[in-house]
C-alpha atoms as a PDB file:
ATOM      1  CA  MET A   1      71.924 -20.227 -35.605  1.00  0.00           C
ATOM      2  CA  ASN A   2      68.225 -19.245 -35.830  1.00  0.00           C
ATOM      3  CA  LYS A   3      67.219 -22.910 -35.954  1.00  0.00           C
ATOM      4  CA  PHE A   4      69.391 -23.632 -32.904  1.00  0.00           C
ATOM      5  CA  LEU A   5      67.855 -20.741 -30.982  1.00  0.00           C
ATOM      6  CA  SER A   6      64.366 -21.875 -31.954  1.00  0.00           C
ATOM      7  CA  LYS A   7      65.080 -25.408 -30.766  1.00  0.00           C
ATOM      8  CA  GLN A   8      66.727 -24.120 -27.602  1.00  0.00           C
ATOM      9  CA  GLY A   9      63.744 -21.839 -26.985  1.00  0.00           C
ATOM     10  CA  LYS A  10      61.361 -24.784 -27.299  1.00  0.00           C
ATOM     11  CA  ILE A  11      63.409 -26.770 -24.795  1.00  0.00           C
ATOM     12  CA  ILE A  12      63.404 -23.874 -22.320  1.00  0.00           C
ATOM     13  CA  PHE A  13      59.667 -23.337 -22.775  1.00  0.00           C
ATOM     14  CA  SER A  14      58.982 -27.037 -22.313  1.00  0.00           C
ATOM     15  CA  SER A  15      61.063 -27.126 -19.129  1.00  0.00           C
ATOM     16  CA  LEU A  16      59.317 -24.070 -17.735  1.00  0.00           C
ATOM     17  CA  PHE A  17      55.923 -25.525 -18.557  1.00  0.00           C
ATOM     18  CA  VAL A  18      56.719 -28.783 -16.735  1.00  0.00           C
ATOM     19  CA  ALA A  19      57.976 -26.811 -13.744  1.00  0.00           C
ATOM     20  CA  PHE A  20      54.805 -24.732 -13.771  1.00  0.00           C
ATOM     21  CA  LEU A  21      52.637 -27.852 -13.774  1.00  0.00           C
ATOM     22  CA  ALA A  22      54.626 -29.313 -10.901  1.00  0.00           C
ATOM     23  CA  LEU A  23      54.236 -26.124  -8.881  1.00  0.00           C
ATOM     24  CA  SER A  24      50.533 -25.948  -9.678  1.00  0.00           C
ATOM     25  CA  CYS A  25      49.930 -29.523  -8.574  1.00  0.00           C
ATOM     26  CA  ASN A  26      51.955 -28.959  -5.431  1.00  0.00           C
ATOM     27  CA  SER A  27      50.081 -25.772  -4.543  1.00  0.00           C
ATOM     28  CA  GLN A  28      46.748 -27.514  -5.132  1.00  0.00           C
ATOM     29  CA  ASN A  29      47.716 -30.138  -2.572  1.00  0.00           C
ATOM     30  CA  LYS A  30      48.601 -27.499  -0.011  1.00  0.00           C
ATOM     31  CA  PHE A  31      45.860 -26.266   2.277  1.00  0.00           C
ATOM     32  CA  GLY A  32      45.277 -25.174   5.838  1.00  0.00           C
ATOM     33  CA  GLY A  33      47.520 -23.534   8.366  1.00  0.00           C
ATOM     34  CA  LEU A  34      49.890 -24.587  11.099  1.00  0.00           C
ATOM     35  CA  ALA A  35      50.445 -22.813  14.388  1.00  0.00           C
ATOM     36  CA  LEU A  36      54.232 -22.929  14.656  1.00  0.00           C
ATOM     37  CA  TYR A  37      53.923 -23.182  18.438  1.00  0.00           C
ATOM     38  CA  THR A  38      53.388 -26.894  17.768  1.00  0.00           C
ATOM     39  CA  VAL A  39      56.949 -27.193  16.453  1.00  0.00           C
ATOM     40  CA  ARG A  40      58.464 -24.513  18.691  1.00  0.00           C
ATOM     41  CA  ASP A  41      61.410 -26.635  19.837  1.00  0.00           C
ATOM     42  CA  ASP A  42      62.317 -27.520  16.251  1.00  0.00           C
ATOM     43  CA  MET A  43      61.929 -23.891  15.217  1.00  0.00           C
ATOM     44  CA  GLY A  44      64.324 -22.933  18.005  1.00  0.00           C
ATOM     45  CA  LYS A  45      66.954 -25.365  16.754  1.00  0.00           C
ATOM     46  CA  ASP A  46      66.687 -24.731  13.006  1.00  0.00           C
ATOM     47  CA  ALA A  47      63.818 -22.533  11.870  1.00  0.00           C
ATOM     48  CA  LYS A  48      64.464 -22.814   8.141  1.00  0.00           C
ATOM     49  CA  ALA A  49      64.774 -26.613   8.112  1.00  0.00           C
ATOM     50  CA  THR A  50      61.591 -26.856  10.170  1.00  0.00           C
ATOM     51  CA  LEU A  51      59.678 -24.581   7.809  1.00  0.00           C
ATOM     52  CA  ASP A  52      60.835 -26.801   4.943  1.00  0.00           C
ATOM     53  CA  LYS A  53      59.158 -29.743   6.690  1.00  0.00           C
ATOM     54  CA  VAL A  54      56.014 -27.741   7.412  1.00  0.00           C
ATOM     55  CA  ALA A  55      55.742 -27.008   3.689  1.00  0.00           C
ATOM     56  CA  ASP A  56      56.422 -30.650   2.828  1.00  0.00           C
ATOM     57  CA  ALA A  57      53.605 -31.691   5.188  1.00  0.00           C
ATOM     58  CA  GLY A  58      51.166 -29.833   2.937  1.00  0.00           C
ATOM     59  CA  TYR A  59      50.376 -26.661   4.845  1.00  0.00           C
ATOM     60  CA  ALA A  60      49.682 -23.478   2.902  1.00  0.00           C
ATOM     61  CA  TYR A  61      50.092 -20.850   5.610  1.00  0.00           C
ATOM     62  CA  VAL A  62      51.371 -20.409   9.161  1.00  0.00           C
ATOM     63  CA  GLU A  63      50.874 -18.647  12.440  1.00  0.00           C
ATOM     64  CA  ALA A  64      54.069 -17.575  14.174  1.00  0.00           C
ATOM     65  CA  ALA A  65      54.794 -17.658  17.909  1.00  0.00           C
ATOM     66  CA  GLY A  66      58.450 -16.752  18.020  1.00  0.00           C
ATOM     67  CA  TYR A  67      59.035 -13.009  18.077  1.00  0.00           C
ATOM     68  CA  ASN A  68      61.928 -11.565  20.074  1.00  0.00           C
ATOM     69  CA  GLU A  69      63.833  -8.278  19.854  1.00  0.00           C
ATOM     70  CA  GLY A  70      62.424  -7.318  16.484  1.00  0.00           C
ATOM     71  CA  LYS A  71      62.918 -10.695  14.824  1.00  0.00           C
ATOM     72  CA  PHE A  72      60.769 -13.712  14.022  1.00  0.00           C
ATOM     73  CA  TYR A  73      62.690 -16.875  14.869  1.00  0.00           C
ATOM     74  CA  GLY A  74      65.952 -14.970  14.561  1.00  0.00           C
ATOM     75  CA  MET A  75      65.079 -13.474  11.181  1.00  0.00           C
ATOM     76  CA  ALA A  76      64.302  -9.864  10.371  1.00  0.00           C
ATOM     77  CA  PRO A  77      60.591  -9.472   9.490  1.00  0.00           C
ATOM     78  CA  GLU A  78      61.270  -9.022   5.775  1.00  0.00           C
ATOM     79  CA  ASP A  79      63.633 -12.024   5.727  1.00  0.00           C
ATOM     80  CA  PHE A  80      61.132 -14.217   7.538  1.00  0.00           C
ATOM     81  CA  LYS A  81      58.431 -13.272   5.039  1.00  0.00           C
ATOM     82  CA  ALA A  82      60.757 -13.946   2.101  1.00  0.00           C
ATOM     83  CA  TYR A  83      61.775 -17.365   3.390  1.00  0.00           C
ATOM     84  CA  LEU A  84      58.183 -18.407   3.985  1.00  0.00           C
ATOM     85  CA  GLU A  85      57.209 -17.331   0.501  1.00  0.00           C
ATOM     86  CA  SER A  86      60.171 -19.184  -1.004  1.00  0.00           C
ATOM     87  CA  LYS A  87      58.683 -22.367   0.488  1.00  0.00           C
ATOM     88  CA  GLY A  88      55.152 -21.665  -0.700  1.00  0.00           C
ATOM     89  CA  LEU A  89      54.013 -20.684   2.788  1.00  0.00           C
ATOM     90  CA  LYS A  90      52.022 -17.556   3.582  1.00  0.00           C
ATOM     91  CA  PRO A  91      52.431 -15.560   6.811  1.00  0.00           C
ATOM     92  CA  VAL A  92      48.869 -15.084   8.072  1.00  0.00           C
ATOM     93  CA  SER A  93      48.824 -14.680  11.852  1.00  0.00           C
ATOM     94  CA  THR A  94      51.268 -14.242  14.706  1.00  0.00           C
ATOM     95  CA  HIS A  95      50.828 -14.493  18.461  1.00  0.00           C
ATOM     96  CA  MET A  96      52.138 -11.382  20.194  1.00  0.00           C
ATOM     97  CA  GLY A  97      51.634 -11.979  23.900  1.00  0.00           C
ATOM     98  CA  MET A  98      54.352  -9.505  24.844  1.00  0.00           C
ATOM     99  CA  VAL A  99      52.427  -6.514  23.539  1.00  0.00           C
ATOM    100  CA  THR A 100      51.892  -3.473  25.750  1.00  0.00           C
ATOM    101  CA  LEU A 101      50.533  -0.005  25.090  1.00  0.00           C
ATOM    102  CA  GLU A 102      54.137   1.203  25.089  1.00  0.00           C
ATOM    103  CA  ASN A 103      55.660  -1.239  22.579  1.00  0.00           C
ATOM    104  CA  ALA A 104      52.576  -1.753  20.414  1.00  0.00           C
ATOM    105  CA  ASP A 105      53.605   0.603  17.606  1.00  0.00           C
ATOM    106  CA  GLN A 106      56.938  -1.132  17.047  1.00  0.00           C
ATOM    107  CA  LEU A 107      55.414  -4.616  17.243  1.00  0.00           C
ATOM    108  CA  ILE A 108      52.689  -3.666  14.807  1.00  0.00           C
ATOM    109  CA  ALA A 109      55.285  -2.287  12.373  1.00  0.00           C
ATOM    110  CA  ASP A 110      57.279  -5.538  12.550  1.00  0.00           C
ATOM    111  CA  VAL A 111      54.174  -7.692  12.125  1.00  0.00           C
ATOM    112  CA  LYS A 112      53.195  -5.623   9.093  1.00  0.00           C
ATOM    113  CA  ALA A 113      56.697  -5.883   7.609  1.00  0.00           C
ATOM    114  CA  ALA A 114      56.609  -9.672   7.967  1.00  0.00           C
ATOM    115  CA  GLY A 115      53.464  -9.820   5.851  1.00  0.00           C
ATOM    116  CA  PHE A 116      51.033 -11.000   8.504  1.00  0.00           C
ATOM    117  CA  GLU A 117      47.338 -10.135   8.363  1.00  0.00           C
ATOM    118  CA  TYR A 118      46.323 -10.937  11.936  1.00  0.00           C
ATOM    119  CA  PHE A 119      47.922  -9.583  15.119  1.00  0.00           C
ATOM    120  CA  THR A 120      46.756 -12.181  17.642  1.00  0.00           C
ATOM    121  CA  ILE A 121      46.939 -11.787  21.412  1.00  0.00           C
ATOM    122  CA  PRO A 122      47.154 -15.244  23.056  1.00  0.00           C
ATOM    123  CA  VAL A 123      46.456 -14.340  26.719  1.00  0.00           C
ATOM    124  CA  PRO A 124      45.376 -11.241  28.649  1.00  0.00           C
ATOM    125  CA  PRO A 125      48.298  -8.842  28.035  1.00  0.00           C
ATOM    126  CA  MET A 126      50.203  -6.407  30.206  1.00  0.00           C
ATOM    127  CA  GLY A 127      50.467  -8.578  33.295  1.00  0.00           C
ATOM    128  CA  MET A 128      46.770  -9.462  33.469  1.00  0.00           C
ATOM    129  CA  PHE A 129      47.331 -13.160  32.774  1.00  0.00           C
ATOM    130  CA  THR A 130      47.760 -15.517  35.740  1.00  0.00           C
ATOM    131  CA  PHE A 131      48.887 -19.134  35.981  1.00  0.00           C
ATOM    132  CA  ASP A 132      48.912 -21.346  39.068  1.00  0.00           C
ATOM    133  CA  PRO A 133      51.689 -23.954  38.634  1.00  0.00           C
ATOM    134  CA  ASP A 134      50.320 -26.140  41.438  1.00  0.00           C
ATOM    135  CA  THR A 135      46.848 -26.559  39.947  1.00  0.00           C
ATOM    136  CA  ARG A 136      47.942 -25.691  36.376  1.00  0.00           C
ATOM    137  CA  THR A 137      44.985 -23.355  36.072  1.00  0.00           C
ATOM    138  CA  MET A 138      44.937 -20.183  34.000  1.00  0.00           C
ATOM    139  CA  GLY A 139      43.094 -16.978  34.756  1.00  0.00           C
ATOM    140  CA  MET A 140      43.411 -13.220  34.886  1.00  0.00           C
ATOM    141  CA  LYS A 141      43.593 -10.328  37.300  1.00  0.00           C
ATOM    142  CA  GLY A 142      42.232  -6.849  36.853  1.00  0.00           C
ATOM    143  CA  THR A 143      38.831  -5.785  35.616  1.00  0.00           C
ATOM    144  CA  MET A 144      37.057  -6.896  32.475  1.00  0.00           C
ATOM    145  CA  GLU A 145      36.476  -3.249  31.617  1.00  0.00           C
ATOM    146  CA  ASP A 146      40.223  -2.581  31.582  1.00  0.00           C
ATOM    147  CA  PHE A 147      40.802  -5.757  29.565  1.00  0.00           C
ATOM    148  CA  ALA A 148      38.250  -4.767  26.917  1.00  0.00           C
ATOM    149  CA  ASN A 149      39.626  -1.215  26.769  1.00  0.00           C
ATOM    150  CA  VAL A 150      43.196  -2.453  26.223  1.00  0.00           C
ATOM    151  CA  LEU A 151      42.052  -4.737  23.385  1.00  0.00           C
ATOM    152  CA  THR A 152      40.109  -1.868  21.817  1.00  0.00           C
ATOM    153  CA  THR A 153      43.093   0.486  21.993  1.00  0.00           C
ATOM    154  CA  LEU A 154      45.360  -2.115  20.432  1.00  0.00           C
ATOM    155  CA  GLY A 155      42.705  -2.992  17.872  1.00  0.00           C
ATOM    156  CA  LYS A 156      42.467   0.622  16.746  1.00  0.00           C
ATOM    157  CA  LYS A 157      46.235   0.765  16.329  1.00  0.00           C
ATOM    158  CA  CYS A 158      46.147  -2.430  14.246  1.00  0.00           C
ATOM    159  CA  GLU A 159      43.271  -1.194  12.120  1.00  0.00           C
ATOM    160  CA  ALA A 160      45.108   2.036  11.367  1.00  0.00           C
ATOM    161  CA  ALA A 161      48.119  -0.016  10.209  1.00  0.00           C
ATOM    162  CA  GLY A 162      46.064  -2.298   7.996  1.00  0.00           C
ATOM    163  CA  LEU A 163      46.153  -5.263  10.393  1.00  0.00           C
ATOM    164  CA  LYS A 164      43.358  -7.101  12.194  1.00  0.00           C
ATOM    165  CA  LEU A 165      43.456  -7.818  15.917  1.00  0.00           C
ATOM    166  CA  LEU A 166      42.267 -11.141  17.318  1.00  0.00           C
ATOM    167  CA  TYR A 167      42.126 -12.435  20.874  1.00  0.00           C
ATOM    168  CA  HIS A 168      42.850 -16.139  21.424  1.00  0.00           C
ATOM    169  CA  ASN A 169      41.154 -18.020  24.248  1.00  0.00           C
ATOM    170  CA  HIS A 170      42.029 -20.758  26.702  1.00  0.00           C
ATOM    171  CA  ASP A 171      39.420 -22.380  28.941  1.00  0.00           C
ATOM    172  CA  PHE A 172      38.963 -19.741  31.654  1.00  0.00           C
ATOM    173  CA  GLU A 173      37.466 -17.165  29.279  1.00  0.00           C
ATOM    174  CA  TYR A 174      34.520 -19.510  28.700  1.00  0.00           C
ATOM    175  CA  LYS A 175      33.805 -20.070  32.402  1.00  0.00           C
ATOM    176  CA  GLU A 176      32.157 -17.797  34.950  1.00  0.00           C
ATOM    177  CA  ASN A 177      34.672 -15.858  37.020  1.00  0.00           C
ATOM    178  CA  ALA A 178      34.376 -14.884  40.689  1.00  0.00           C
ATOM    179  CA  ASP A 179      32.093 -11.992  39.704  1.00  0.00           C
ATOM    180  CA  GLY A 180      29.723 -14.265  37.784  1.00  0.00           C
ATOM    181  CA  ILE A 181      30.978 -12.945  34.435  1.00  0.00           C
ATOM    182  CA  VAL A 182      31.947 -15.151  31.506  1.00  0.00           C
ATOM    183  CA  PRO A 183      34.965 -13.211  30.172  1.00  0.00           C
ATOM    184  CA  ILE A 184      34.493 -14.103  26.515  1.00  0.00           C
ATOM    185  CA  VAL A 185      30.862 -12.937  26.638  1.00  0.00           C
ATOM    186  CA  TYR A 186      31.939  -9.645  28.177  1.00  0.00           C
ATOM    187  CA  LEU A 187      34.584  -9.130  25.494  1.00  0.00           C
ATOM    188  CA  LEU A 188      32.203 -10.020  22.677  1.00  0.00           C
ATOM    189  CA  GLU A 189      29.609  -7.578  23.980  1.00  0.00           C
ATOM    190  CA  HIS A 190      31.973  -4.748  24.937  1.00  0.00           C
ATOM    191  CA  THR A 191      34.250  -4.561  21.885  1.00  0.00           C
ATOM    192  CA  ASP A 192      33.601  -3.303  18.372  1.00  0.00           C
ATOM    193  CA  PRO A 193      34.089  -5.924  15.633  1.00  0.00           C
ATOM    194  CA  LYS A 194      35.719  -3.195  13.542  1.00  0.00           C
ATOM    195  CA  TYR A 195      38.666  -3.330  15.946  1.00  0.00           C
ATOM    196  CA  VAL A 196      38.507  -6.587  17.925  1.00  0.00           C
ATOM    197  CA  ASN A 197      37.596 -10.117  16.887  1.00  0.00           C
ATOM    198  CA  PHE A 198      38.525 -13.584  18.077  1.00  0.00           C
ATOM    199  CA  GLN A 199      40.541 -16.702  17.411  1.00  0.00           C
ATOM    200  CA  MET A 200      38.646 -19.646  18.830  1.00  0.00           C
ATOM    201  CA  ASP A 201      40.732 -22.507  20.183  1.00  0.00           C
ATOM    202  CA  LEU A 202      38.348 -25.418  19.736  1.00  0.00           C
ATOM    203  CA  PHE A 203      40.163 -27.607  22.275  1.00  0.00           C
ATOM    204  CA  TRP A 204      40.001 -25.056  25.085  1.00  0.00           C
ATOM    205  CA  VAL A 205      36.366 -24.173  24.429  1.00  0.00           C
ATOM    206  CA  THR A 206      35.505 -27.869  24.610  1.00  0.00           C
ATOM    207  CA  LYS A 207      37.633 -28.229  27.744  1.00  0.00           C
ATOM    208  CA  ALA A 208      35.601 -25.437  29.354  1.00  0.00           C
ATOM    209  CA  GLY A 209      32.385 -27.356  28.676  1.00  0.00           C
ATOM    210  CA  ALA A 210      31.135 -24.795  26.161  1.00  0.00           C
ATOM    211  CA  ASP A 211      29.724 -25.364  22.678  1.00  0.00           C
ATOM    212  CA  PRO A 212      31.546 -23.595  19.825  1.00  0.00           C
ATOM    213  CA  VAL A 213      28.487 -23.697  17.572  1.00  0.00           C
ATOM    214  CA  ALA A 214      26.322 -22.004  20.190  1.00  0.00           C
ATOM    215  CA  TYR A 215      28.793 -19.118  20.303  1.00  0.00           C
ATOM    216  CA  PHE A 216      28.874 -18.880  16.504  1.00  0.00           C
ATOM    217  CA  GLU A 217      25.097 -18.626  16.441  1.00  0.00           C
ATOM    218  CA  LYS A 218      24.895 -16.015  19.201  1.00  0.00           C
ATOM    219  CA  TYR A 219      27.837 -13.930  17.989  1.00  0.00           C
ATOM    220  CA  PRO A 220      28.029 -14.533  14.230  1.00  0.00           C
ATOM    221  CA  GLY A 221      31.045 -13.332  12.318  1.00  0.00           C
ATOM    222  CA  ARG A 222      33.271 -12.714  15.340  1.00  0.00           C
ATOM    223  CA  PHE A 223      35.495 -15.821  15.195  1.00  0.00           C
ATOM    224  CA  LYS A 224      37.785 -15.051  12.268  1.00  0.00           C
ATOM    225  CA  SER A 225      40.260 -17.878  12.878  1.00  0.00           C
ATOM    226  CA  TRP A 226      40.300 -21.200  14.696  1.00  0.00           C
ATOM    227  CA  HIS A 227      42.859 -23.388  16.363  1.00  0.00           C
ATOM    228  CA  VAL A 228      41.968 -26.898  15.258  1.00  0.00           C
ATOM    229  CA  LYS A 229      43.205 -28.977  18.143  1.00  0.00           C
ATOM    230  CA  ASP A 230      41.803 -32.371  19.138  1.00  0.00           C
ATOM    231  CA  MET A 231      41.186 -33.902  22.573  1.00  0.00           C
ATOM    232  CA  ASP A 232      41.652 -37.552  23.528  1.00  0.00           C
ATOM    233  CA  GLU A 233      39.396 -39.483  25.895  1.00  0.00           C
ATOM    234  CA  GLU A 234      41.552 -38.422  28.854  1.00  0.00           C
ATOM    235  CA  GLY A 235      41.105 -34.759  27.987  1.00  0.00           C
ATOM    236  CA  LYS A 236      44.644 -34.356  26.628  1.00  0.00           C
ATOM    237  CA  PHE A 237      45.872 -32.851  23.365  1.00  0.00           C
ATOM    238  CA  ALA A 238      45.679 -35.211  20.379  1.00  0.00           C
ATOM    239  CA  PRO A 239      46.401 -35.092  16.630  1.00  0.00           C
ATOM    240  CA  VAL A 240      43.479 -33.827  14.559  1.00  0.00           C
ATOM    241  CA  GLY A 241      41.126 -36.696  13.769  1.00  0.00           C
ATOM    242  CA  GLU A 242      42.424 -38.970  16.505  1.00  0.00           C
ATOM    243  CA  GLY A 243      40.406 -37.418  19.322  1.00  0.00           C
ATOM    244  CA  THR A 244      36.828 -36.894  20.419  1.00  0.00           C
ATOM    245  CA  ILE A 245      35.944 -33.413  19.123  1.00  0.00           C
ATOM    246  CA  ASP A 246      33.263 -33.407  16.416  1.00  0.00           C
ATOM    247  CA  PHE A 247      35.042 -31.128  13.969  1.00  0.00           C
ATOM    248  CA  GLY A 248      32.611 -32.021  11.182  1.00  0.00           C
ATOM    249  CA  ARG A 249      29.714 -30.460  13.096  1.00  0.00           C
ATOM    250  CA  ILE A 250      31.779 -27.363  13.878  1.00  0.00           C
ATOM    251  CA  LEU A 251      33.096 -27.005  10.315  1.00  0.00           C
ATOM    252  CA  LYS A 252      29.556 -26.865   8.917  1.00  0.00           C
ATOM    253  CA  GLU A 253      29.112 -23.574  10.762  1.00  0.00           C
ATOM    254  CA  LYS A 254      32.288 -21.865   9.525  1.00  0.00           C
ATOM    255  CA  LYS A 255      30.348 -19.191   7.634  1.00  0.00           C
ATOM    256  CA  THR A 256      28.265 -18.384  10.690  1.00  0.00           C
ATOM    257  CA  ALA A 257      31.440 -18.175  12.749  1.00  0.00           C
ATOM    258  CA  GLY A 258      33.066 -15.841  10.232  1.00  0.00           C
ATOM    259  CA  MET A 259      36.076 -18.169  10.016  1.00  0.00           C
ATOM    260  CA  VAL A 260      38.578 -17.062   7.384  1.00  0.00           C
ATOM    261  CA  LYS A 261      41.641 -19.104   8.403  1.00  0.00           C
ATOM    262  CA  TYR A 262      42.357 -22.060  10.670  1.00  0.00           C
ATOM    263  CA  PHE A 263      45.522 -23.457  12.191  1.00  0.00           C
ATOM    264  CA  VAL A 264      46.396 -26.935  13.410  1.00  0.00           C
ATOM    265  CA  GLU A 265      47.933 -26.778  16.864  1.00  0.00           C
ATOM    266  CA  GLN A 266      48.992 -29.343  19.452  1.00  0.00           C
ATOM    267  CA  ASP A 267      50.632 -27.894  22.556  1.00  0.00           C
ATOM    268  CA  MET A 268      52.147 -31.194  23.695  1.00  0.00           C
ATOM    269  CA  THR A 269      52.643 -34.246  21.490  1.00  0.00           C
ATOM    270  CA  TRP A 270      53.408 -36.845  24.180  1.00  0.00           C
ATOM    271  CA  ASP A 271      54.998 -39.979  22.680  1.00  0.00           C
ATOM    272  CA  LYS A 272      55.082 -38.575  19.139  1.00  0.00           C
ATOM    273  CA  LYS A 273      57.444 -36.005  17.679  1.00  0.00           C
ATOM    274  CA  PRO A 274      55.876 -32.653  16.712  1.00  0.00           C
ATOM    275  CA  LEU A 275      57.034 -33.020  13.094  1.00  0.00           C
ATOM    276  CA  GLU A 276      55.258 -36.390  12.959  1.00  0.00           C
ATOM    277  CA  VAL A 277      52.095 -35.014  14.512  1.00  0.00           C
ATOM    278  CA  ILE A 278      51.720 -32.211  11.975  1.00  0.00           C
ATOM    279  CA  VAL A 279      51.650 -34.789   9.164  1.00  0.00           C
ATOM    280  CA  ILE A 280      49.046 -36.909  10.968  1.00  0.00           C
ATOM    281  CA  SER A 281      46.921 -33.837  11.647  1.00  0.00           C
ATOM    282  CA  HIS A 282      47.078 -32.664   8.034  1.00  0.00           C
ATOM    283  CA  GLU A 283      45.752 -36.051   6.926  1.00  0.00           C
ATOM    284  CA  GLY A 284      43.066 -35.687   9.578  1.00  0.00           C
ATOM    285  CA  LEU A 285      42.027 -32.351   8.122  1.00  0.00           C
ATOM    286  CA  LYS A 286      41.480 -33.998   4.739  1.00  0.00           C
ATOM    287  CA  LYS A 287      39.274 -36.726   6.181  1.00  0.00           C
ATOM    288  CA  ILE A 288      37.153 -34.234   8.116  1.00  0.00           C
ATOM    289  CA  GLY A 289      36.668 -32.005   5.079  1.00  0.00           C
ATOM    290  CA  PHE A 290      38.816 -28.963   5.797  1.00  0.00           C
ATOM    291  CA  ASP A 291      40.281 -27.326   2.711  1.00  0.00           C
END
C-alpha cells in the first residue's frame, strides 16, 4: 500500500509540475491590457466567452466599460473579478462616465469590490460633455474651474477608498477653447496629483495636433495609463502597428510620463471584426517593444 501511495504521489506531483510549467509559460506570454470597449458588442452578447478570447489573445489585464445598475457586464463586482482571475486576467481600470457627486460613493464601492485600481472618467461628467452629431465634434459646457473642482472632489473620494482617479481625454481637451484655454493644461495645473491624474489616449492627442512627448516632459508623472490606439493615413482608427503613430518614440518616454499601465483600444474596426483586431494589435505591441 505504501509503495502504491508513493508511486501515486509521484504521479500527482509530476502532473502538478507539468501544469505549473504550462501556466508559467502561458503567463510569461501574456502582457499588456485591453480596453474592453473595443469588444463591447461581443461583451454584450456573451461576456464570458469574449473574455476567454481576450485571454487567448495574450492580454494580461483589462479596462472595463460596461457598468450598469451595480454590475459589470451583467455580473456582480465580485463575480466579475473572480471570472477575470480564473482566466488569468487582472481588473486594472474601468471607465465610469456615469459618475456624479450623488452616486459616486456607490460606484466607488463597486469598483473597489471588482478589484480595479483605477477609477477612470472618460468624458466631462455630470452633463458637462457635449457632442454635435452633425459635425461629430466633442466638447464641453460649463467652466473649467467647476470641471477641475468636480474631478478633485471625486479624486478625494477615490483616494480615501484606496482607488486612483484618472481622466481620459479625447481631442478637444488638447485644443484651445473659446476662452483661449487648453482644457488639459488647465486640469493639469489646477488639480493635485495626489487626487487626480490622467489616462492619455494617444490617438486623440495626435488627432488634436499635439505631441504626447511634449506633455510628458512638461508635466512628468501625470499620465499613469495610456490608450494605445493607432491612426491610419486617413486619420481613422487602425490596429496597433498598422497606422502612422510613432509609438516607439512615445514608449521611450514612459518613465517620464509616469505610465504604469496601457490598454489597446480601437473604437471602430471597419472591415475587421473586433476579436480579430485585438489579436493583430497584440502582435503589434510585441513588434513595437511594449511588454
